[in-house]
Amino acid sequence: MLHCPFCGRPESSRFELEGHRYLVFECMFTPEVDPALTDAEIDERLKAGFGAQGSAYFRKTCDALHVYVAKGEGARILTGRPDATGSP
């Protein structure tokens, strides 16, 4: 069983979707992982890739979602503004 690189909560499940494997931790952090890796290799990569970023990872994710909803495709969907083709 693996643990979240941010908060240390244990893994609650794993699933594969369209050829991609995901881990789900009790805190709901759900990274995509390489299905060919062992648990030890996954743990090492999670700590190296996410643990070093700390809360900056979540800030970056929140910023990306904000842009999507405020200025991107999400804004067009939510406000019903048509795109260049005239489609909503």
N, C-alpha and C. Protein backbone atom coordinates (compact mmCIF):
# COMPACT_ATOMS: atom_id res chain seq x y z
N MET A 1 0.84 -1.18 0.00
CA MET A 1 0.00 0.00 0.00
C MET A 1 0.89 1.24 0.00
N LEU A 2 0.53 2.19 -0.86
CA LEU A 2 1.28 3.44 -0.97
C LEU A 2 0.60 4.53 -0.16
N HIS A 3 1.33 5.63 0.05
CA HIS A 3 0.80 6.76 0.81
C HIS A 3 0.95 8.05 0.01
N CYS A 4 0.03 8.97 0.23
CA CYS A 4 0.02 10.24 -0.47
C CYS A 4 1.32 11.00 -0.19
N PRO A 5 1.97 11.53 -1.23
CA PRO A 5 3.22 12.27 -1.01
C PRO A 5 3.00 13.62 -0.34
N PHE A 6 1.76 14.08 -0.27
CA PHE A 6 1.46 15.37 0.35
C PHE A 6 1.11 15.23 1.83
N CYS A 7 0.15 14.34 2.11
CA CYS A 7 -0.37 14.27 3.48
C CYS A 7 -0.12 12.95 4.18
N GLY A 8 0.34 11.93 3.45
CA GLY A 8 0.64 10.65 4.06
C GLY A 8 -0.55 9.71 4.21
N ARG A 9 -1.74 10.12 3.75
CA ARG A 9 -2.92 9.25 3.84
C ARG A 9 -2.71 8.02 2.95
N PRO A 10 -3.24 6.87 3.36
CA PRO A 10 -3.02 5.64 2.59
C PRO A 10 -3.81 5.59 1.28
N GLU A 11 -3.34 4.76 0.41
CA GLU A 11 -4.02 4.49 -0.86
C GLU A 11 -5.34 3.78 -0.55
N SER A 12 -6.40 4.18 -1.23
CA SER A 12 -7.69 3.53 -0.99
C SER A 12 -8.11 2.63 -2.15
N SER A 13 -7.63 2.93 -3.36
CA SER A 13 -7.95 2.06 -4.49
C SER A 13 -7.05 2.37 -5.68
N ARG A 14 -7.13 1.48 -6.65
CA ARG A 14 -6.44 1.64 -7.94
C ARG A 14 -7.44 1.29 -9.02
N PHE A 15 -7.33 1.96 -10.16
CA PHE A 15 -8.17 1.58 -11.29
C PHE A 15 -7.47 1.91 -12.59
N GLU A 16 -7.89 1.21 -13.63
CA GLU A 16 -7.38 1.46 -14.97
C GLU A 16 -8.52 1.95 -15.83
N LEU A 17 -8.20 2.97 -16.64
CA LEU A 17 -9.19 3.57 -17.51
C LEU A 17 -8.53 3.87 -18.84
N GLU A 18 -9.02 3.25 -19.90
CA GLU A 18 -8.51 3.47 -21.24
C GLU A 18 -6.99 3.35 -21.31
N GLY A 19 -6.45 2.31 -20.68
CA GLY A 19 -5.02 2.04 -20.74
C GLY A 19 -4.17 2.84 -19.78
N HIS A 20 -4.78 3.62 -18.91
CA HIS A 20 -4.04 4.42 -17.93
C HIS A 20 -4.39 3.91 -16.53
N ARG A 21 -3.39 3.88 -15.64
CA ARG A 21 -3.62 3.44 -14.27
C ARG A 21 -3.59 4.65 -13.33
N TYR A 22 -4.51 4.66 -12.39
CA TYR A 22 -4.61 5.73 -11.41
C TYR A 22 -4.63 5.15 -10.00
N LEU A 23 -4.02 5.87 -9.08
CA LEU A 23 -4.10 5.54 -7.67
C LEU A 23 -5.02 6.56 -7.02
N VAL A 24 -5.80 6.12 -6.06
CA VAL A 24 -6.67 7.03 -5.32
C VAL A 24 -6.28 6.93 -3.86
N PHE A 25 -5.95 8.07 -3.28
CA PHE A 25 -5.61 8.11 -1.86
C PHE A 25 -6.82 8.59 -1.08
N GLU A 26 -6.85 8.32 0.23
CA GLU A 26 -7.98 8.71 1.06
C GLU A 26 -8.26 10.21 1.01
N CYS A 27 -7.25 11.01 0.74
CA CYS A 27 -7.42 12.47 0.65
C CYS A 27 -7.98 12.89 -0.71
N MET A 28 -8.18 11.93 -1.61
CA MET A 28 -8.72 12.10 -2.95
C MET A 28 -7.68 12.53 -3.98
N PHE A 29 -6.41 12.64 -3.61
CA PHE A 29 -5.36 12.87 -4.60
C PHE A 29 -5.31 11.64 -5.49
N THR A 30 -5.36 11.82 -6.82
CA THR A 30 -5.47 10.70 -7.75
C THR A 30 -4.47 10.87 -8.90
N PRO A 31 -3.22 10.48 -8.67
CA PRO A 31 -2.24 10.61 -9.75
C PRO A 31 -2.31 9.46 -10.74
N GLU A 32 -1.93 9.76 -11.98
CA GLU A 32 -1.78 8.71 -12.98
C GLU A 32 -0.39 8.13 -12.82
N VAL A 33 -0.28 6.80 -12.86
CA VAL A 33 1.01 6.14 -12.70
C VAL A 33 1.23 5.15 -13.84
N ASP A 34 2.48 4.84 -14.07
CA ASP A 34 2.86 3.88 -15.09
C ASP A 34 2.54 2.47 -14.59
N PRO A 35 1.69 1.72 -15.31
CA PRO A 35 1.31 0.39 -14.84
C PRO A 35 2.47 -0.61 -14.81
N ALA A 36 3.57 -0.31 -15.49
CA ALA A 36 4.70 -1.23 -15.53
C ALA A 36 5.61 -1.10 -14.30
N LEU A 37 5.41 -0.06 -13.48
CA LEU A 37 6.27 0.17 -12.33
C LEU A 37 5.84 -0.65 -11.12
N THR A 38 6.82 -0.99 -10.28
CA THR A 38 6.52 -1.65 -9.02
C THR A 38 6.04 -0.61 -8.02
N ASP A 39 5.48 -1.06 -6.89
CA ASP A 39 5.04 -0.12 -5.86
C ASP A 39 6.20 0.73 -5.35
N ALA A 40 7.37 0.13 -5.20
CA ALA A 40 8.54 0.88 -4.71
C ALA A 40 8.92 1.98 -5.71
N GLU A 41 8.88 1.66 -7.00
CA GLU A 41 9.20 2.65 -8.03
C GLU A 41 8.15 3.75 -8.09
N ILE A 42 6.88 3.37 -7.95
CA ILE A 42 5.80 4.37 -7.94
C ILE A 42 5.99 5.30 -6.75
N ASP A 43 6.24 4.73 -5.58
CA ASP A 43 6.44 5.54 -4.38
C ASP A 43 7.58 6.54 -4.56
N GLU A 44 8.67 6.08 -5.12
CA GLU A 44 9.84 6.95 -5.36
C GLU A 44 9.48 8.08 -6.32
N ARG A 45 8.77 7.76 -7.39
CA ARG A 45 8.40 8.79 -8.37
C ARG A 45 7.37 9.78 -7.82
N LEU A 46 6.42 9.30 -7.02
CA LEU A 46 5.45 10.21 -6.42
C LEU A 46 6.14 11.20 -5.48
N LYS A 47 7.05 10.69 -4.67
CA LYS A 47 7.77 11.57 -3.74
C LYS A 47 8.64 12.57 -4.49
N ALA A 48 9.32 12.10 -5.54
CA ALA A 48 10.20 12.98 -6.30
C ALA A 48 9.40 13.99 -7.13
N GLY A 49 8.31 13.55 -7.74
CA GLY A 49 7.55 14.40 -8.64
C GLY A 49 6.57 15.34 -7.98
N PHE A 50 5.98 14.89 -6.88
CA PHE A 50 4.95 15.71 -6.23
C PHE A 50 5.38 16.22 -4.87
N GLY A 51 6.03 15.38 -4.09
CA GLY A 51 6.41 15.76 -2.74
C GLY A 51 7.29 16.99 -2.70
N ALA A 52 8.17 17.11 -3.67
CA ALA A 52 9.08 18.26 -3.71
C ALA A 52 8.33 19.56 -4.02
N GLN A 53 7.20 19.46 -4.73
CA GLN A 53 6.43 20.65 -5.08
C GLN A 53 5.59 21.15 -3.91
N GLY A 54 5.24 20.25 -3.00
CA GLY A 54 4.40 20.64 -1.87
C GLY A 54 3.11 21.28 -2.34
N SER A 55 2.68 22.33 -1.67
CA SER A 55 1.41 22.97 -2.00
C SER A 55 1.44 23.71 -3.34
N ALA A 56 2.62 23.92 -3.91
CA ALA A 56 2.72 24.58 -5.22
C ALA A 56 2.00 23.76 -6.29
N TYR A 57 1.98 22.44 -6.15
CA TYR A 57 1.27 21.58 -7.10
C TYR A 57 -0.21 21.95 -7.12
N PHE A 58 -0.82 22.08 -5.94
CA PHE A 58 -2.24 22.39 -5.86
C PHE A 58 -2.52 23.82 -6.32
N ARG A 59 -1.62 24.73 -6.03
CA ARG A 59 -1.80 26.11 -6.47
C ARG A 59 -1.80 26.17 -8.00
N LYS A 60 -0.88 25.45 -8.62
CA LYS A 60 -0.78 25.41 -10.08
C LYS A 60 -2.06 24.81 -10.67
N THR A 61 -2.58 23.75 -10.06
CA THR A 61 -3.81 23.11 -10.52
C THR A 61 -4.99 24.06 -10.39
N CYS A 62 -5.09 24.75 -9.26
CA CYS A 62 -6.18 25.71 -9.05
C CYS A 62 -6.11 26.84 -10.06
N ASP A 63 -4.91 27.33 -10.34
CA ASP A 63 -4.74 28.40 -11.32
C ASP A 63 -5.19 27.96 -12.71
N ALA A 64 -4.83 26.73 -13.09
CA ALA A 64 -5.22 26.21 -14.40
C ALA A 64 -6.74 26.09 -14.50
N LEU A 65 -7.38 25.60 -13.43
CA LEU A 65 -8.84 25.48 -13.44
C LEU A 65 -9.51 26.86 -13.50
N HIS A 66 -8.93 27.83 -12.80
CA HIS A 66 -9.48 29.19 -12.82
C HIS A 66 -9.45 29.76 -14.24
N VAL A 67 -8.35 29.60 -14.93
CA VAL A 67 -8.23 30.11 -16.30
C VAL A 67 -9.25 29.40 -17.20
N TYR A 68 -9.39 28.09 -17.03
CA TYR A 68 -10.35 27.33 -17.84
C TYR A 68 -11.77 27.85 -17.65
N VAL A 69 -12.15 28.10 -16.40
CA VAL A 69 -13.52 28.53 -16.10
C VAL A 69 -13.73 30.01 -16.39
N ALA A 70 -12.72 30.83 -16.16
CA ALA A 70 -12.88 32.27 -16.32
C ALA A 70 -12.65 32.76 -17.75
N LYS A 71 -11.75 32.13 -18.49
CA LYS A 71 -11.38 32.65 -19.80
C LYS A 71 -11.40 31.61 -20.92
N GLY A 72 -11.38 30.34 -20.56
CA GLY A 72 -11.24 29.31 -21.58
C GLY A 72 -12.54 28.66 -21.98
N GLU A 73 -12.43 27.42 -22.40
CA GLU A 73 -13.57 26.64 -22.88
C GLU A 73 -14.67 26.56 -21.83
N GLY A 74 -14.29 26.42 -20.57
CA GLY A 74 -15.28 26.36 -19.50
C GLY A 74 -16.13 27.61 -19.43
N ALA A 75 -15.52 28.77 -19.63
CA ALA A 75 -16.26 30.04 -19.60
C ALA A 75 -17.27 30.09 -20.73
N ARG A 76 -16.88 29.62 -21.90
CA ARG A 76 -17.80 29.62 -23.04
C ARG A 76 -18.98 28.69 -22.78
N ILE A 77 -18.71 27.55 -22.17
CA ILE A 77 -19.80 26.60 -21.85
C ILE A 77 -20.72 27.18 -20.79
N LEU A 78 -20.13 27.72 -19.73
CA LEU A 78 -20.92 28.22 -18.61
C LEU A 78 -21.73 29.47 -18.94
N THR A 79 -21.19 30.34 -19.78
CA THR A 79 -21.89 31.58 -20.08
C THR A 79 -22.73 31.49 -21.35
N GLY A 80 -22.53 30.42 -22.12
CA GLY A 80 -23.30 30.26 -23.35
C GLY A 80 -22.83 31.17 -24.47
N ARG A 81 -21.63 31.78 -24.30
CA ARG A 81 -21.10 32.63 -25.37
C ARG A 81 -20.71 31.75 -26.55
N PRO A 82 -21.13 32.09 -27.72
CA PRO A 82 -20.75 31.27 -28.88
C PRO A 82 -19.26 31.42 -29.21
N ASP A 83 -18.71 30.38 -29.79
CA ASP A 83 -17.32 30.45 -30.24
C ASP A 83 -17.31 31.06 -31.66
N ALA A 84 -16.19 31.02 -32.30
CA ALA A 84 -16.03 31.65 -33.61
C ALA A 84 -16.93 31.02 -34.68
N THR A 85 -17.37 29.78 -34.47
CA THR A 85 -18.22 29.13 -35.47
C THR A 85 -19.69 29.41 -35.26
N GLY A 86 -20.02 30.10 -34.16
CA GLY A 86 -21.40 30.41 -33.87
C GLY A 86 -22.09 29.36 -33.01
N SER A 87 -21.36 28.28 -32.68
CA SER A 87 -21.93 27.23 -31.84
C SER A 87 -21.80 27.63 -30.36
N PRO A 88 -22.79 27.29 -29.53
CA PRO A 88 -22.69 27.62 -28.10
C PRO A 88 -21.65 26.81 -27.40
